[in-house]
Amino acid sequence: KMITIRNLSQDNIESALALSVDDWQRKYVRTNAEMIALAYVQPQELFPVALYAEEALVGLAFVKKEQKTAIMTLEQIMIDQPFQSKSFGSESVREIAKWIETQFDCTLLQASIQIGNQWGRETLENAGFMKRSTDLEKREIEMIYITK
């Protein structure tokens, strides 16, 4: 398989902070520094995941455990700009879903994509997510992936 999941650690934090997306994608994602800070203050809820292709760190994802329910949320996934359009996004999402199944008692993985973020939506659909609903007020499409 192409993608492996590792923990965010002292060994890869600098590389993780250096990852970036294309200019047009910036409005769709928070910076990795912001997300890592949020994970730091919510260690029981928000889990950072480092995405590797062999020995290269290609991206970061953040998975949130919803309280008192068997639902997890893919809060954010980003693939470093040089590694985009090589199927790493969808492959990463599939690996994250498998990882969640081994780590958590989870029946449903959910994600929200901003309307207009076609790249993000196709990444999720290619990984097996389905559209659940559209929230026009938030301008988001809610996507779900059934794990078990």
N, C-alpha and C. Protein backbone atom coordinates (compact mmCIF):
# COMPACT_ATOMS: atom_id res chain seq x y z
N LYS A 1 0.85 -1.21 0.00
CA LYS A 1 0.00 0.00 0.00
C LYS A 1 0.88 1.25 0.00
N MET A 2 0.33 2.30 -0.52
CA MET A 2 1.13 3.51 -0.71
C MET A 2 1.30 4.33 0.56
N ILE A 3 0.23 4.44 1.32
CA ILE A 3 0.25 5.36 2.47
C ILE A 3 0.32 4.60 3.78
N THR A 4 1.18 5.06 4.67
CA THR A 4 1.18 4.54 6.04
C THR A 4 0.94 5.70 6.99
N ILE A 5 0.36 5.36 8.13
CA ILE A 5 0.02 6.35 9.14
C ILE A 5 1.01 6.27 10.28
N ARG A 6 1.53 7.40 10.68
CA ARG A 6 2.41 7.46 11.84
C ARG A 6 1.94 8.56 12.77
N ASN A 7 2.40 8.49 14.00
CA ASN A 7 2.08 9.56 14.94
C ASN A 7 2.87 10.81 14.62
N LEU A 8 2.31 11.91 15.01
CA LEU A 8 3.05 13.17 14.96
C LEU A 8 3.97 13.14 16.17
N SER A 9 5.26 13.41 15.96
CA SER A 9 6.23 13.29 17.04
C SER A 9 7.31 14.37 16.91
N GLN A 10 8.23 14.34 17.85
CA GLN A 10 9.35 15.27 17.81
C GLN A 10 10.16 15.10 16.51
N ASP A 11 10.18 13.86 16.01
CA ASP A 11 10.96 13.57 14.80
C ASP A 11 10.39 14.20 13.54
N ASN A 12 9.06 14.38 13.51
CA ASN A 12 8.48 14.87 12.25
C ASN A 12 7.68 16.17 12.38
N ILE A 13 7.69 16.78 13.56
CA ILE A 13 6.90 18.00 13.76
C ILE A 13 7.38 19.14 12.85
N GLU A 14 8.69 19.29 12.68
CA GLU A 14 9.21 20.36 11.82
C GLU A 14 8.75 20.16 10.38
N SER A 15 8.88 18.92 9.90
CA SER A 15 8.43 18.61 8.54
C SER A 15 6.93 18.84 8.40
N ALA A 16 6.18 18.47 9.43
CA ALA A 16 4.72 18.64 9.40
C ALA A 16 4.35 20.12 9.29
N LEU A 17 5.06 20.95 10.03
CA LEU A 17 4.77 22.38 10.00
C LEU A 17 5.14 23.01 8.65
N ALA A 18 6.06 22.38 7.94
CA ALA A 18 6.52 22.91 6.65
C ALA A 18 5.61 22.52 5.48
N LEU A 19 4.71 21.55 5.69
CA LEU A 19 3.81 21.14 4.62
C LEU A 19 2.88 22.30 4.25
N SER A 20 2.54 22.41 2.97
CA SER A 20 1.62 23.48 2.58
C SER A 20 0.79 23.08 1.37
N VAL A 21 -0.32 23.77 1.21
CA VAL A 21 -1.21 23.53 0.07
C VAL A 21 -1.06 24.66 -0.93
N ASP A 22 -1.68 24.49 -2.09
CA ASP A 22 -1.68 25.54 -3.10
C ASP A 22 -2.44 26.77 -2.61
N ASP A 23 -2.11 27.92 -3.17
CA ASP A 23 -2.76 29.17 -2.76
C ASP A 23 -4.28 29.07 -2.80
N TRP A 24 -4.84 28.51 -3.88
CA TRP A 24 -6.30 28.46 -4.03
C TRP A 24 -6.97 27.57 -2.98
N GLN A 25 -6.18 26.66 -2.37
CA GLN A 25 -6.75 25.74 -1.40
C GLN A 25 -6.74 26.30 0.02
N ARG A 26 -6.03 27.41 0.22
CA ARG A 26 -5.84 27.90 1.59
C ARG A 26 -7.14 28.27 2.29
N LYS A 27 -8.13 28.70 1.51
CA LYS A 27 -9.40 29.08 2.12
C LYS A 27 -10.17 27.85 2.63
N TYR A 28 -9.76 26.66 2.21
CA TYR A 28 -10.46 25.45 2.61
C TYR A 28 -9.84 24.74 3.81
N VAL A 29 -8.63 25.10 4.19
CA VAL A 29 -7.98 24.42 5.31
C VAL A 29 -7.38 25.41 6.30
N ARG A 30 -7.36 24.99 7.56
CA ARG A 30 -6.61 25.76 8.55
C ARG A 30 -5.14 25.38 8.41
N THR A 31 -4.26 26.23 8.89
CA THR A 31 -2.84 25.89 8.81
C THR A 31 -2.56 24.68 9.71
N ASN A 32 -1.52 23.94 9.39
CA ASN A 32 -1.14 22.80 10.22
C ASN A 32 -0.78 23.24 11.63
N ALA A 33 -0.14 24.40 11.75
CA ALA A 33 0.22 24.91 13.08
C ALA A 33 -1.03 25.12 13.94
N GLU A 34 -2.06 25.69 13.31
CA GLU A 34 -3.33 25.92 14.02
C GLU A 34 -3.97 24.60 14.45
N MET A 35 -4.00 23.63 13.52
CA MET A 35 -4.61 22.34 13.82
C MET A 35 -3.83 21.58 14.90
N ILE A 36 -2.50 21.64 14.83
CA ILE A 36 -1.67 20.96 15.83
C ILE A 36 -1.91 21.59 17.21
N ALA A 37 -2.05 22.92 17.24
CA ALA A 37 -2.34 23.61 18.51
C ALA A 37 -3.69 23.16 19.07
N LEU A 38 -4.69 23.05 18.20
CA LEU A 38 -6.02 22.58 18.65
C LEU A 38 -5.94 21.15 19.19
N ALA A 39 -5.17 20.30 18.51
CA ALA A 39 -5.01 18.92 18.97
C ALA A 39 -4.31 18.87 20.33
N TYR A 40 -3.37 19.76 20.52
CA TYR A 40 -2.62 19.82 21.77
C TYR A 40 -3.52 20.15 22.95
N VAL A 41 -4.50 21.04 22.75
CA VAL A 41 -5.38 21.42 23.86
C VAL A 41 -6.60 20.49 23.98
N GLN A 42 -6.80 19.59 23.00
CA GLN A 42 -7.91 18.61 23.08
C GLN A 42 -7.37 17.20 22.85
N PRO A 43 -6.42 16.75 23.69
CA PRO A 43 -5.73 15.48 23.39
C PRO A 43 -6.63 14.25 23.40
N GLN A 44 -7.77 14.31 24.07
CA GLN A 44 -8.67 13.16 24.09
C GLN A 44 -9.67 13.19 22.94
N GLU A 45 -9.68 14.29 22.21
CA GLU A 45 -10.71 14.45 21.18
C GLU A 45 -10.18 14.58 19.77
N LEU A 46 -9.06 15.29 19.61
CA LEU A 46 -8.55 15.58 18.28
C LEU A 46 -7.19 14.92 18.09
N PHE A 47 -7.11 14.03 17.12
CA PHE A 47 -5.91 13.22 16.92
C PHE A 47 -5.22 13.59 15.61
N PRO A 48 -3.96 14.04 15.71
CA PRO A 48 -3.20 14.32 14.49
C PRO A 48 -2.63 13.03 13.92
N VAL A 49 -2.64 12.93 12.61
CA VAL A 49 -2.18 11.73 11.92
C VAL A 49 -1.20 12.17 10.83
N ALA A 50 0.02 11.63 10.88
CA ALA A 50 1.02 11.93 9.85
C ALA A 50 0.91 10.90 8.73
N LEU A 51 0.87 11.36 7.51
CA LEU A 51 0.66 10.49 6.35
C LEU A 51 1.97 10.36 5.57
N TYR A 52 2.42 9.12 5.43
CA TYR A 52 3.71 8.86 4.77
C TYR A 52 3.54 8.01 3.51
N ALA A 53 4.31 8.37 2.50
CA ALA A 53 4.50 7.50 1.34
C ALA A 53 5.96 7.06 1.43
N GLU A 54 6.17 5.79 1.76
CA GLU A 54 7.50 5.28 2.10
C GLU A 54 8.08 6.17 3.21
N GLU A 55 9.21 6.83 2.98
CA GLU A 55 9.78 7.65 4.06
C GLU A 55 9.45 9.14 3.94
N ALA A 56 8.64 9.49 2.97
CA ALA A 56 8.31 10.90 2.77
C ALA A 56 7.01 11.25 3.49
N LEU A 57 7.05 12.32 4.27
CA LEU A 57 5.84 12.85 4.89
C LEU A 57 5.08 13.61 3.81
N VAL A 58 3.91 13.11 3.43
CA VAL A 58 3.17 13.73 2.32
C VAL A 58 1.97 14.56 2.77
N GLY A 59 1.54 14.35 4.02
CA GLY A 59 0.38 15.12 4.46
C GLY A 59 0.07 14.90 5.93
N LEU A 60 -0.96 15.61 6.36
CA LEU A 60 -1.43 15.52 7.75
C LEU A 60 -2.94 15.45 7.75
N ALA A 61 -3.46 14.70 8.69
CA ALA A 61 -4.90 14.66 8.87
C ALA A 61 -5.21 14.81 10.36
N PHE A 62 -6.41 15.26 10.63
CA PHE A 62 -6.85 15.44 12.02
C PHE A 62 -8.22 14.80 12.16
N VAL A 63 -8.30 13.85 13.09
CA VAL A 63 -9.52 13.09 13.29
C VAL A 63 -10.07 13.43 14.66
N LYS A 64 -11.36 13.69 14.71
CA LYS A 64 -11.99 14.08 15.96
C LYS A 64 -12.95 13.00 16.45
N LYS A 65 -12.85 12.69 17.74
CA LYS A 65 -13.77 11.74 18.34
C LYS A 65 -14.96 12.51 18.89
N GLU A 66 -16.13 12.23 18.36
CA GLU A 66 -17.33 12.91 18.86
C GLU A 66 -17.70 12.30 20.21
N GLN A 67 -18.02 13.15 21.17
CA GLN A 67 -18.28 12.66 22.52
C GLN A 67 -19.58 11.85 22.59
N LYS A 68 -19.54 10.78 23.41
CA LYS A 68 -20.70 9.95 23.72
C LYS A 68 -21.37 9.35 22.48
N THR A 69 -20.58 9.09 21.44
CA THR A 69 -21.16 8.49 20.26
C THR A 69 -20.07 7.73 19.50
N ALA A 70 -20.50 6.82 18.64
CA ALA A 70 -19.53 6.02 17.87
C ALA A 70 -19.23 6.69 16.53
N ILE A 71 -19.20 8.02 16.55
CA ILE A 71 -18.93 8.77 15.33
C ILE A 71 -17.59 9.48 15.45
N MET A 72 -16.82 9.40 14.36
CA MET A 72 -15.57 10.15 14.26
C MET A 72 -15.74 11.15 13.12
N THR A 73 -15.03 12.25 13.23
CA THR A 73 -15.07 13.26 12.17
C THR A 73 -13.67 13.46 11.60
N LEU A 74 -13.59 13.41 10.28
CA LEU A 74 -12.34 13.78 9.62
C LEU A 74 -12.36 15.30 9.56
N GLU A 75 -11.71 15.92 10.55
CA GLU A 75 -11.76 17.38 10.67
C GLU A 75 -11.03 18.05 9.52
N GLN A 76 -9.88 17.49 9.18
CA GLN A 76 -9.10 18.08 8.10
C GLN A 76 -8.12 17.05 7.57
N ILE A 77 -7.91 17.12 6.28
CA ILE A 77 -6.82 16.37 5.67
C ILE A 77 -6.15 17.30 4.67
N MET A 78 -4.84 17.30 4.67
CA MET A 78 -4.11 18.09 3.68
C MET A 78 -2.95 17.26 3.14
N ILE A 79 -2.75 17.38 1.85
CA ILE A 79 -1.62 16.72 1.18
C ILE A 79 -0.69 17.83 0.71
N ASP A 80 0.59 17.68 1.02
CA ASP A 80 1.59 18.68 0.65
C ASP A 80 1.56 18.91 -0.86
N GLN A 81 1.67 20.17 -1.25
CA GLN A 81 1.50 20.57 -2.64
C GLN A 81 2.25 19.69 -3.66
N PRO A 82 3.55 19.40 -3.46
CA PRO A 82 4.25 18.57 -4.47
C PRO A 82 3.70 17.16 -4.61
N PHE A 83 2.95 16.69 -3.63
CA PHE A 83 2.45 15.31 -3.66
C PHE A 83 0.99 15.22 -4.12
N GLN A 84 0.40 16.36 -4.46
CA GLN A 84 -1.01 16.35 -4.87
C GLN A 84 -1.19 15.77 -6.26
N SER A 85 -2.43 15.33 -6.53
CA SER A 85 -2.80 14.74 -7.83
C SER A 85 -2.04 13.46 -8.14
N LYS A 86 -1.67 12.72 -7.08
CA LYS A 86 -1.00 11.42 -7.27
C LYS A 86 -1.76 10.33 -6.51
N SER A 87 -3.06 10.57 -6.23
CA SER A 87 -3.93 9.62 -5.50
C SER A 87 -3.61 9.50 -4.02
N PHE A 88 -2.68 10.29 -3.50
CA PHE A 88 -2.35 10.20 -2.08
C PHE A 88 -3.53 10.62 -1.19
N GLY A 89 -4.33 11.57 -1.66
CA GLY A 89 -5.47 12.04 -0.86
C GLY A 89 -6.46 10.93 -0.57
N SER A 90 -6.98 10.31 -1.64
CA SER A 90 -7.97 9.24 -1.47
C SER A 90 -7.38 8.04 -0.74
N GLU A 91 -6.15 7.70 -1.10
CA GLU A 91 -5.47 6.58 -0.44
C GLU A 91 -5.31 6.86 1.06
N SER A 92 -4.98 8.10 1.39
CA SER A 92 -4.84 8.49 2.80
C SER A 92 -6.16 8.37 3.54
N VAL A 93 -7.23 8.83 2.91
CA VAL A 93 -8.55 8.76 3.55
C VAL A 93 -8.93 7.30 3.80
N ARG A 94 -8.66 6.43 2.83
CA ARG A 94 -8.95 5.00 3.02
C ARG A 94 -8.14 4.42 4.18
N GLU A 95 -6.86 4.78 4.25
CA GLU A 95 -6.01 4.29 5.34
C GLU A 95 -6.46 4.84 6.69
N ILE A 96 -6.89 6.09 6.72
CA ILE A 96 -7.39 6.70 7.96
C ILE A 96 -8.63 5.95 8.43
N ALA A 97 -9.52 5.62 7.50
CA ALA A 97 -10.73 4.87 7.85
C ALA A 97 -10.37 3.51 8.46
N LYS A 98 -9.38 2.83 7.86
CA LYS A 98 -8.93 1.54 8.40
C LYS A 98 -8.30 1.71 9.78
N TRP A 99 -7.48 2.76 9.92
CA TRP A 99 -6.82 3.05 11.19
C TRP A 99 -7.87 3.32 12.29
N ILE A 100 -8.88 4.09 11.95
CA ILE A 100 -9.96 4.40 12.91
C ILE A 100 -10.63 3.11 13.37
N GLU A 101 -10.88 2.20 12.44
CA GLU A 101 -11.53 0.94 12.79
C GLU A 101 -10.71 0.13 13.79
N THR A 102 -9.37 0.24 13.71
CA THR A 102 -8.54 -0.53 14.64
C THR A 102 -8.36 0.19 15.98
N GLN A 103 -8.47 1.51 15.99
CA GLN A 103 -8.17 2.29 17.20
C GLN A 103 -9.40 2.66 18.03
N PHE A 104 -10.54 2.75 17.38
CA PHE A 104 -11.73 3.29 18.04
C PHE A 104 -12.93 2.40 17.78
N ASP A 105 -13.90 2.50 18.67
CA ASP A 105 -15.18 1.83 18.44
C ASP A 105 -16.03 2.82 17.65
N CYS A 106 -15.96 2.71 16.35
CA CYS A 106 -16.57 3.73 15.50
C CYS A 106 -17.36 3.07 14.39
N THR A 107 -18.59 3.52 14.18
CA THR A 107 -19.41 2.95 13.12
C THR A 107 -19.56 3.90 11.93
N LEU A 108 -19.24 5.17 12.17
CA LEU A 108 -19.45 6.16 11.12
C LEU A 108 -18.34 7.20 11.15
N LEU A 109 -17.79 7.48 9.98
CA LEU A 109 -16.81 8.55 9.83
C LEU A 109 -17.49 9.63 9.01
N GLN A 110 -17.44 10.85 9.51
CA GLN A 110 -18.09 11.94 8.77
C GLN A 110 -17.09 13.03 8.43
N ALA A 111 -17.44 13.83 7.43
CA ALA A 111 -16.58 14.94 7.02
C ALA A 111 -17.47 16.00 6.37
N SER A 112 -17.06 17.24 6.49
CA SER A 112 -17.77 18.32 5.80
C SER A 112 -16.82 18.97 4.81
N ILE A 113 -17.35 19.24 3.63
CA ILE A 113 -16.57 19.86 2.56
C ILE A 113 -17.27 21.16 2.20
N GLN A 114 -16.51 22.24 2.07
CA GLN A 114 -17.13 23.48 1.65
C GLN A 114 -17.61 23.36 0.22
N ILE A 115 -18.81 23.92 -0.03
CA ILE A 115 -19.33 23.93 -1.40
C ILE A 115 -18.30 24.66 -2.26
N GLY A 116 -17.96 24.07 -3.38
CA GLY A 116 -16.95 24.68 -4.24
C GLY A 116 -15.60 23.97 -4.14
N ASN A 117 -15.39 23.22 -3.06
CA ASN A 117 -14.13 22.48 -2.92
C ASN A 117 -14.28 21.13 -3.62
N GLN A 118 -14.29 21.18 -4.95
CA GLN A 118 -14.51 19.99 -5.76
C GLN A 118 -13.41 18.96 -5.56
N TRP A 119 -12.17 19.45 -5.42
CA TRP A 119 -11.02 18.56 -5.22
C TRP A 119 -11.21 17.75 -3.95
N GLY A 120 -11.60 18.42 -2.86
CA GLY A 120 -11.82 17.73 -1.59
C GLY A 120 -12.96 16.74 -1.67
N ARG A 121 -14.03 17.14 -2.35
CA ARG A 121 -15.18 16.24 -2.47
C ARG A 121 -14.82 14.98 -3.26
N GLU A 122 -14.11 15.15 -4.37
CA GLU A 122 -13.72 13.99 -5.18
C GLU A 122 -12.77 13.08 -4.42
N THR A 123 -11.88 13.67 -3.63
CA THR A 123 -10.97 12.88 -2.80
C THR A 123 -11.75 11.97 -1.87
N LEU A 124 -12.77 12.54 -1.21
CA LEU A 124 -13.59 11.74 -0.28
C LEU A 124 -14.41 10.70 -1.02
N GLU A 125 -15.02 11.09 -2.14
CA GLU A 125 -15.84 10.13 -2.90
C GLU A 125 -15.00 8.97 -3.42
N ASN A 126 -13.79 9.27 -3.88
CA ASN A 126 -12.90 8.21 -4.37
C ASN A 126 -12.51 7.25 -3.25
N ALA A 127 -12.57 7.72 -2.01
CA ALA A 127 -12.22 6.87 -0.86
C ALA A 127 -13.45 6.14 -0.31
N GLY A 128 -14.61 6.35 -0.88
CA GLY A 128 -15.80 5.62 -0.46
C GLY A 128 -16.80 6.41 0.37
N PHE A 129 -16.61 7.71 0.51
CA PHE A 129 -17.59 8.54 1.20
C PHE A 129 -18.80 8.79 0.30
N MET A 130 -19.96 8.98 0.94
CA MET A 130 -21.18 9.34 0.22
C MET A 130 -21.69 10.66 0.76
N LYS A 131 -22.40 11.37 -0.08
CA LYS A 131 -23.01 12.63 0.35
C LYS A 131 -24.20 12.32 1.25
N ARG A 132 -24.26 12.98 2.41
CA ARG A 132 -25.40 12.82 3.29
C ARG A 132 -26.37 13.98 3.10
N SER A 133 -25.86 15.20 3.15
CA SER A 133 -26.74 16.36 3.05
C SER A 133 -25.94 17.60 2.69
N THR A 134 -26.66 18.65 2.36
CA THR A 134 -26.04 19.94 2.08
C THR A 134 -26.57 20.95 3.09
N ASP A 135 -25.66 21.66 3.72
CA ASP A 135 -26.03 22.71 4.67
C ASP A 135 -25.77 24.04 3.96
N LEU A 136 -26.84 24.63 3.45
CA LEU A 136 -26.66 25.85 2.66
C LEU A 136 -26.24 27.04 3.53
N GLU A 137 -26.67 27.05 4.78
CA GLU A 137 -26.28 28.15 5.67
C GLU A 137 -24.78 28.15 5.90
N LYS A 138 -24.23 26.96 6.19
CA LYS A 138 -22.79 26.84 6.41
C LYS A 138 -22.03 26.73 5.09
N ARG A 139 -22.77 26.58 3.99
CA ARG A 139 -22.17 26.34 2.67
C ARG A 139 -21.25 25.12 2.69
N GLU A 140 -21.77 24.04 3.29
CA GLU A 140 -21.01 22.80 3.41
C GLU A 140 -21.79 21.60 2.91
N ILE A 141 -21.07 20.64 2.38
CA ILE A 141 -21.66 19.35 2.02
C ILE A 141 -21.19 18.36 3.08
N GLU A 142 -22.15 17.67 3.69
CA GLU A 142 -21.80 16.67 4.71
C GLU A 142 -21.67 15.32 4.02
N MET A 143 -20.52 14.67 4.30
CA MET A 143 -20.21 13.39 3.69
C MET A 143 -20.05 12.34 4.78
N ILE A 144 -20.43 11.10 4.48
CA ILE A 144 -20.29 10.03 5.47
C ILE A 144 -19.64 8.79 4.86
N TYR A 145 -18.99 8.03 5.76
CA TYR A 145 -18.35 6.78 5.39
C TYR A 145 -18.72 5.78 6.49
N ILE A 146 -19.37 4.69 6.10
CA ILE A 146 -19.78 3.68 7.08
C ILE A 146 -18.58 2.75 7.31
N THR A 147 -18.13 2.63 8.56
CA THR A 147 -16.92 1.86 8.80
C THR A 147 -17.21 0.38 9.01
N LYS A 148 -18.07 0.04 9.94
CA LYS A 148 -18.26 -1.38 10.27
C LYS A 148 -19.40 -1.99 9.46
